[in-house]
N, C-alpha and C. Protein backbone atom coordinates (compact mmCIF):
# COMPACT_ATOMS: atom_id res chain seq x y z
N UNK A 1 0.84 -1.16 0.00
CA UNK A 1 0.00 0.00 0.00
C UNK A 1 0.89 1.23 0.00
N UNK A 2 0.63 2.11 -0.93
CA UNK A 2 1.45 3.31 -1.02
C UNK A 2 1.11 4.29 0.10
N UNK A 3 2.00 5.23 0.30
CA UNK A 3 1.79 6.25 1.33
C UNK A 3 0.54 7.07 1.02
N UNK A 4 0.33 7.36 -0.23
CA UNK A 4 -0.84 8.14 -0.67
C UNK A 4 -2.13 7.35 -0.41
N UNK A 5 -2.13 6.06 -0.74
CA UNK A 5 -3.30 5.21 -0.49
C UNK A 5 -3.60 5.11 1.00
N UNK A 6 -2.55 4.96 1.79
CA UNK A 6 -2.74 4.87 3.24
C UNK A 6 -3.32 6.17 3.79
N UNK A 7 -2.87 7.31 3.28
CA UNK A 7 -3.38 8.61 3.71
C UNK A 7 -4.86 8.75 3.33
N UNK A 8 -5.21 8.34 2.13
CA UNK A 8 -6.61 8.42 1.69
C UNK A 8 -7.49 7.52 2.56
N UNK A 9 -7.03 6.31 2.84
CA UNK A 9 -7.78 5.41 3.70
C UNK A 9 -7.94 6.03 5.09
N UNK A 10 -6.88 6.59 5.62
CA UNK A 10 -6.92 7.21 6.94
C UNK A 10 -7.93 8.37 6.98
N UNK A 11 -7.98 9.14 5.93
CA UNK A 11 -8.95 10.25 5.85
C UNK A 11 -10.37 9.73 5.85
N UNK A 12 -10.63 8.68 5.09
CA UNK A 12 -11.98 8.09 5.04
C UNK A 12 -12.39 7.58 6.41
N UNK A 13 -11.50 6.88 7.09
CA UNK A 13 -11.81 6.35 8.41
C UNK A 13 -12.05 7.48 9.41
N UNK A 14 -11.25 8.52 9.34
CA UNK A 14 -11.43 9.67 10.24
C UNK A 14 -12.78 10.34 9.99
N UNK A 15 -13.15 10.49 8.74
CA UNK A 15 -14.44 11.08 8.40
C UNK A 15 -15.59 10.21 8.91
N UNK A 16 -15.46 8.91 8.74
CA UNK A 16 -16.46 7.98 9.22
C UNK A 16 -16.58 8.05 10.75
N UNK A 17 -15.46 8.09 11.43
CA UNK A 17 -15.47 8.19 12.90
C UNK A 17 -16.11 9.49 13.37
N UNK A 18 -15.85 10.58 12.69
CA UNK A 18 -16.45 11.86 13.05
C UNK A 18 -17.97 11.82 12.87
N UNK A 19 -18.41 11.18 11.80
CA UNK A 19 -19.85 11.07 11.55
C UNK A 19 -20.53 10.26 12.67
N UNK A 20 -19.89 9.18 13.08
CA UNK A 20 -20.43 8.35 14.15
C UNK A 20 -20.43 9.12 15.47
N UNK A 21 -19.37 9.85 15.75
CA UNK A 21 -19.32 10.68 16.97
C UNK A 21 -20.43 11.74 16.95
N UNK A 22 -20.69 12.27 15.77
CA UNK A 22 -21.76 13.25 15.63
C UNK A 22 -23.10 12.66 16.01
N UNK A 23 -23.33 11.43 15.59
CA UNK A 23 -24.57 10.76 15.96
C UNK A 23 -24.61 10.47 17.45
N UNK A 24 -23.50 10.04 18.01
CA UNK A 24 -23.47 9.72 19.44
C UNK A 24 -23.73 10.96 20.30
N UNK A 25 -23.23 12.10 19.86
CA UNK A 25 -23.44 13.32 20.65
C UNK A 25 -24.82 13.94 20.40
N UNK A 26 -25.43 13.63 19.27
CA UNK A 26 -26.73 14.18 18.92
C UNK A 26 -27.52 13.10 18.18
N UNK A 27 -28.07 12.13 18.91
CA UNK A 27 -28.70 10.97 18.28
C UNK A 27 -30.07 11.26 17.66
N UNK A 28 -30.05 11.99 16.57
CA UNK A 28 -31.28 12.27 15.85
C UNK A 28 -31.36 11.33 14.64
N UNK A 29 -32.54 11.27 14.06
CA UNK A 29 -32.74 10.44 12.87
C UNK A 29 -31.83 10.90 11.73
N UNK A 30 -31.67 12.20 11.58
CA UNK A 30 -30.82 12.74 10.52
C UNK A 30 -29.36 12.34 10.71
N UNK A 31 -28.89 12.42 11.96
CA UNK A 31 -27.50 12.03 12.24
C UNK A 31 -27.30 10.54 12.00
N UNK A 32 -28.29 9.74 12.36
CA UNK A 32 -28.21 8.29 12.14
C UNK A 32 -28.16 8.00 10.64
N UNK A 33 -29.02 8.62 9.88
CA UNK A 33 -29.03 8.41 8.43
C UNK A 33 -27.72 8.84 7.80
N UNK A 34 -27.15 9.94 8.26
CA UNK A 34 -25.87 10.41 7.73
C UNK A 34 -24.76 9.41 8.03
N UNK A 35 -24.76 8.87 9.25
CA UNK A 35 -23.75 7.87 9.63
C UNK A 35 -23.91 6.61 8.79
N UNK A 36 -25.13 6.16 8.59
CA UNK A 36 -25.37 4.96 7.78
C UNK A 36 -24.96 5.20 6.33
N UNK A 37 -25.28 6.37 5.80
CA UNK A 37 -24.88 6.69 4.43
C UNK A 37 -23.36 6.66 4.28
N UNK A 38 -22.66 7.22 5.27
CA UNK A 38 -21.20 7.24 5.23
C UNK A 38 -20.62 5.82 5.32
N UNK A 39 -21.22 4.99 6.18
CA UNK A 39 -20.79 3.59 6.27
C UNK A 39 -21.01 2.85 4.96
N UNK A 40 -22.14 3.08 4.34
CA UNK A 40 -22.43 2.43 3.05
C UNK A 40 -21.46 2.89 1.96
N UNK A 41 -21.15 4.17 1.95
CA UNK A 41 -20.21 4.69 0.95
C UNK A 41 -18.82 4.09 1.16
N UNK A 42 -18.41 3.95 2.41
CA UNK A 42 -17.11 3.34 2.72
C UNK A 42 -17.10 1.89 2.28
N UNK A 43 -18.17 1.16 2.60
CA UNK A 43 -18.25 -0.26 2.22
C UNK A 43 -18.25 -0.42 0.71
N UNK A 44 -18.96 0.42 0.01
CA UNK A 44 -19.00 0.33 -1.45
C UNK A 44 -17.64 0.66 -2.06
N UNK A 45 -16.97 1.67 -1.52
CA UNK A 45 -15.64 2.01 -2.03
C UNK A 45 -14.66 0.86 -1.80
N UNK A 46 -14.76 0.22 -0.66
CA UNK A 46 -13.89 -0.92 -0.37
C UNK A 46 -14.22 -2.09 -1.29
N UNK A 47 -15.50 -2.33 -1.50
CA UNK A 47 -15.94 -3.45 -2.34
C UNK A 47 -15.54 -3.25 -3.80
N UNK A 48 -15.65 -2.03 -4.28
CA UNK A 48 -15.37 -1.75 -5.69
C UNK A 48 -13.90 -1.51 -5.97
N UNK A 49 -13.09 -1.44 -4.93
CA UNK A 49 -11.67 -1.17 -5.11
C UNK A 49 -11.35 0.31 -5.16
N UNK A 50 -12.32 1.16 -4.82
CA UNK A 50 -12.11 2.60 -4.81
C UNK A 50 -11.15 3.05 -3.73
N UNK A 51 -11.04 2.26 -2.66
CA UNK A 51 -10.05 2.52 -1.63
C UNK A 51 -9.38 1.20 -1.29
N UNK A 52 -8.16 1.30 -0.89
CA UNK A 52 -7.43 0.12 -0.47
C UNK A 52 -7.36 0.14 1.05
N UNK A 53 -7.67 -1.01 1.65
CA UNK A 53 -7.66 -1.11 3.11
C UNK A 53 -6.40 -1.86 3.52
N UNK A 54 -5.64 -1.33 4.48
CA UNK A 54 -4.43 -2.02 4.93
C UNK A 54 -4.76 -3.44 5.41
N UNK A 55 -3.89 -4.39 5.11
CA UNK A 55 -4.15 -5.79 5.44
C UNK A 55 -4.32 -6.00 6.94
N UNK A 56 -3.70 -5.17 7.75
CA UNK A 56 -3.84 -5.33 9.19
C UNK A 56 -5.26 -5.00 9.68
N UNK A 57 -6.09 -4.41 8.82
CA UNK A 57 -7.46 -4.06 9.19
C UNK A 57 -8.50 -4.92 8.50
N UNK A 58 -8.08 -5.97 7.82
CA UNK A 58 -9.00 -6.85 7.13
C UNK A 58 -9.28 -8.06 8.00
N UNK A 59 -10.54 -8.30 8.31
CA UNK A 59 -10.92 -9.46 9.12
C UNK A 59 -10.85 -10.72 8.27
N UNK A 60 -10.29 -11.76 8.84
CA UNK A 60 -10.23 -13.02 8.12
C UNK A 60 -11.32 -13.94 8.54
């Protein structure tokens, strides 16, 4: 995994974590939907090869 790919993955995870924290601090339906949308986008990017996930974070 290149340094650039690792940085992009790190940014996506940080964004996802912030969205989840936003829901935890303000558990509204809108915040929940935003967190779910972000999770789905991350999963789709991983599935389609749009982002590379470090092997140490892949569940076997």
